Amino acid sequence: MDISKPAENAEPVECRLTIVNKRGLHARAAAKFVKLVETFTADVNVSKDGETVSGRSIMGLMMLAASPGTEIHVAAAGTDAVAALDAITQLVDDRFDED
């Protein structure tokens, strides 16, 4: 994981993550992602193959069809941006507590 940390009020922090759980970013995993994001004061967006969705949208995350082995790009802006990315990275690395 490579989190780029900008100066205050600069561009969003971002990282690339690989989906490693067996079922990918399916409904339950997307719900866990959204529930986690909602605990932070940050705008989080997730991108895959040129499509970007809100990290607060279960349906949007599912529409990315991020299967195992897929790389996603996560960007966050706001007071808790770095903490949000750290927590999201941990969630993905922990396979959404599924496998």
C-alpha atoms as a PDB file:
ATOM      1  CA  MET A   1       0.000   0.000   0.000  1.00  0.00           C
ATOM      2  CA  ASP A   2       1.270   3.438  -0.895  1.00  0.00           C
ATOM      3  CA  ILE A   3      -0.672   6.293   0.702  1.00  0.00           C
ATOM      4  CA  SER A   4       0.256   9.691  -0.632  1.00  0.00           C
ATOM      5  CA  LYS A   5      -0.121  12.276   2.145  1.00  0.00           C
ATOM      6  CA  PRO A   6      -0.671  15.848   0.913  1.00  0.00           C
ATOM      7  CA  ALA A   7      -0.354  19.101   2.794  1.00  0.00           C
ATOM      8  CA  GLU A   8      -3.427  20.468   4.583  1.00  0.00           C
ATOM      9  CA  ASN A   9      -6.231  21.471   2.144  1.00  0.00           C
ATOM     10  CA  ALA A  10      -4.399  19.930  -0.819  1.00  0.00           C
ATOM     11  CA  GLU A  11      -5.375  17.151  -3.199  1.00  0.00           C
ATOM     12  CA  PRO A  12      -6.989  13.998  -1.793  1.00  0.00           C
ATOM     13  CA  VAL A  13      -4.887  11.179  -0.373  1.00  0.00           C
ATOM     14  CA  GLU A  14      -5.077   8.022  -2.416  1.00  0.00           C
ATOM     15  CA  CYS A  15      -3.963   4.434  -2.665  1.00  0.00           C
ATOM     16  CA  ARG A  16      -4.349   1.355  -4.811  1.00  0.00           C
ATOM     17  CA  LEU A  17      -5.628  -1.829  -3.210  1.00  0.00           C
ATOM     18  CA  THR A  18      -6.050  -5.354  -4.512  1.00  0.00           C
ATOM     19  CA  ILE A  19      -9.240  -7.194  -3.619  1.00  0.00           C
ATOM     20  CA  VAL A  20      -8.084 -10.444  -2.007  1.00  0.00           C
ATOM     21  CA  ASN A  21     -11.193 -12.038  -0.513  1.00  0.00           C
ATOM     22  CA  LYS A  22     -12.738 -15.029  -2.321  1.00  0.00           C
ATOM     23  CA  ARG A  23     -15.976 -13.349  -3.412  1.00  0.00           C
ATOM     24  CA  GLY A  24     -14.704  -9.895  -4.325  1.00  0.00           C
ATOM     25  CA  LEU A  25     -16.552  -6.680  -3.550  1.00  0.00           C
ATOM     26  CA  HIS A  26     -20.013  -8.278  -3.261  1.00  0.00           C
ATOM     27  CA  ALA A  27     -23.005  -7.004  -1.241  1.00  0.00           C
ATOM     28  CA  ARG A  28     -21.788  -7.919   2.245  1.00  0.00           C
ATOM     29  CA  ALA A  29     -18.254  -6.652   1.604  1.00  0.00           C
ATOM     30  CA  ALA A  30     -19.623  -3.437   0.074  1.00  0.00           C
ATOM     31  CA  ALA A  31     -21.859  -2.928   3.124  1.00  0.00           C
ATOM     32  CA  LYS A  32     -18.860  -3.312   5.452  1.00  0.00           C
ATOM     33  CA  PHE A  33     -16.900  -0.846   3.311  1.00  0.00           C
ATOM     34  CA  VAL A  34     -19.698   1.745   3.458  1.00  0.00           C
ATOM     35  CA  LYS A  35     -20.280   1.251   7.191  1.00  0.00           C
ATOM     36  CA  LEU A  36     -16.574   1.867   7.805  1.00  0.00           C
ATOM     37  CA  VAL A  37     -16.406   4.939   5.536  1.00  0.00           C
ATOM     38  CA  GLU A  38     -19.392   6.492   7.300  1.00  0.00           C
ATOM     39  CA  THR A  39     -17.422   6.602  10.564  1.00  0.00           C
ATOM     40  CA  PHE A  40     -14.995   9.171   9.109  1.00  0.00           C
ATOM     41  CA  THR A  41     -15.250  12.834   8.187  1.00  0.00           C
ATOM     42  CA  ALA A  42     -13.977  12.295   4.667  1.00  0.00           C
ATOM     43  CA  ASP A  43     -15.272  12.054   1.128  1.00  0.00           C
ATOM     44  CA  VAL A  44     -14.166   8.689  -0.234  1.00  0.00           C
ATOM     45  CA  ASN A  45     -14.314   7.653  -3.878  1.00  0.00           C
ATOM     46  CA  VAL A  46     -13.445   4.276  -5.361  1.00  0.00           C
ATOM     47  CA  SER A  47     -12.420   3.739  -8.983  1.00  0.00           C
ATOM     48  CA  LYS A  48     -11.923   0.729 -11.210  1.00  0.00           C
ATOM     49  CA  ASP A  49     -11.344   0.713 -14.961  1.00  0.00           C
ATOM     50  CA  GLY A  50     -12.184   4.407 -15.308  1.00  0.00           C
ATOM     51  CA  GLU A  51     -15.460   4.251 -13.371  1.00  0.00           C
ATOM     52  CA  THR A  52     -15.641   6.141 -10.066  1.00  0.00           C
ATOM     53  CA  VAL A  53     -18.266   5.710  -7.348  1.00  0.00           C
ATOM     54  CA  SER A  54     -18.827   7.031  -3.843  1.00  0.00           C
ATOM     55  CA  GLY A  55     -17.418   4.980  -0.996  1.00  0.00           C
ATOM     56  CA  ARG A  56     -20.767   5.593   0.718  1.00  0.00           C
ATOM     57  CA  SER A  57     -22.787   3.735  -1.933  1.00  0.00           C
ATOM     58  CA  ILE A  58     -23.260  -0.017  -1.568  1.00  0.00           C
ATOM     59  CA  MET A  59     -24.836  -0.239  -5.010  1.00  0.00           C
ATOM     60  CA  GLY A  60     -22.093   1.864  -6.576  1.00  0.00           C
ATOM     61  CA  LEU A  61     -19.379  -0.326  -5.081  1.00  0.00           C
ATOM     62  CA  MET A  62     -21.132  -3.469  -6.287  1.00  0.00           C
ATOM     63  CA  MET A  63     -21.449  -1.993  -9.791  1.00  0.00           C
ATOM     64  CA  LEU A  64     -17.649  -1.837 -10.003  1.00  0.00           C
ATOM     65  CA  ALA A  65     -17.703  -5.655 -10.149  1.00  0.00           C
ATOM     66  CA  ALA A  66     -14.365  -5.867  -8.344  1.00  0.00           C
ATOM     67  CA  SER A  67     -13.600  -9.575  -8.314  1.00  0.00           C
ATOM     68  CA  PRO A  68     -10.706 -11.253  -6.487  1.00  0.00           C
ATOM     69  CA  GLY A  69      -7.379  -9.996  -7.808  1.00  0.00           C
ATOM     70  CA  THR A  70      -8.874  -6.727  -9.048  1.00  0.00           C
ATOM     71  CA  GLU A  71      -7.058  -3.494  -8.241  1.00  0.00           C
ATOM     72  CA  ILE A  72      -9.150  -0.560  -7.048  1.00  0.00           C
ATOM     73  CA  HIS A  73      -8.089   3.045  -6.576  1.00  0.00           C
ATOM     74  CA  VAL A  74      -9.331   4.701  -3.386  1.00  0.00           C
ATOM     75  CA  ALA A  75      -9.167   8.475  -2.884  1.00  0.00           C
ATOM     76  CA  ALA A  76     -10.196  10.381   0.231  1.00  0.00           C
ATOM     77  CA  ALA A  77     -10.416  14.067   1.096  1.00  0.00           C
ATOM     78  CA  GLY A  78     -11.321  15.714   4.364  1.00  0.00           C
ATOM     79  CA  THR A  79     -10.316  15.877   7.996  1.00  0.00           C
ATOM     80  CA  ASP A  80     -10.080  12.096   8.434  1.00  0.00           C
ATOM     81  CA  ALA A  81      -8.810  11.231   4.944  1.00  0.00           C
ATOM     82  CA  VAL A  82      -5.589   9.516   6.023  1.00  0.00           C
ATOM     83  CA  ALA A  83      -7.290   7.619   8.862  1.00  0.00           C
ATOM     84  CA  ALA A  84     -10.068   6.549   6.487  1.00  0.00           C
ATOM     85  CA  LEU A  85      -7.577   5.162   3.971  1.00  0.00           C
ATOM     86  CA  ASP A  86      -5.679   3.356   6.712  1.00  0.00           C
ATOM     87  CA  ALA A  87      -8.893   1.710   7.931  1.00  0.00           C
ATOM     88  CA  ILE A  88     -10.071   0.840   4.401  1.00  0.00           C
ATOM     89  CA  THR A  89      -6.690  -0.685   3.625  1.00  0.00           C
ATOM     90  CA  GLN A  90      -6.907  -2.807   6.773  1.00  0.00           C
ATOM     91  CA  LEU A  91     -10.453  -3.933   5.886  1.00  0.00           C
ATOM     92  CA  VAL A  92      -9.423  -4.989   2.369  1.00  0.00           C
ATOM     93  CA  ASP A  93      -6.204  -6.647   3.578  1.00  0.00           C
ATOM     94  CA  ASP A  94      -8.247  -8.534   6.200  1.00  0.00           C
ATOM     95  CA  ARG A  95     -10.461  -9.877   3.383  1.00  0.00           C
ATOM     96  CA  PHE A  96     -13.488  -8.034   4.790  1.00  0.00           C
ATOM     97  CA  ASP A  97     -13.292 -10.476   7.741  1.00  0.00           C
ATOM     98  CA  GLU A  98     -14.706 -13.203   5.501  1.00  0.00           C
ATOM     99  CA  ASP A  99     -12.015 -15.678   4.477  1.00  0.00           C
END
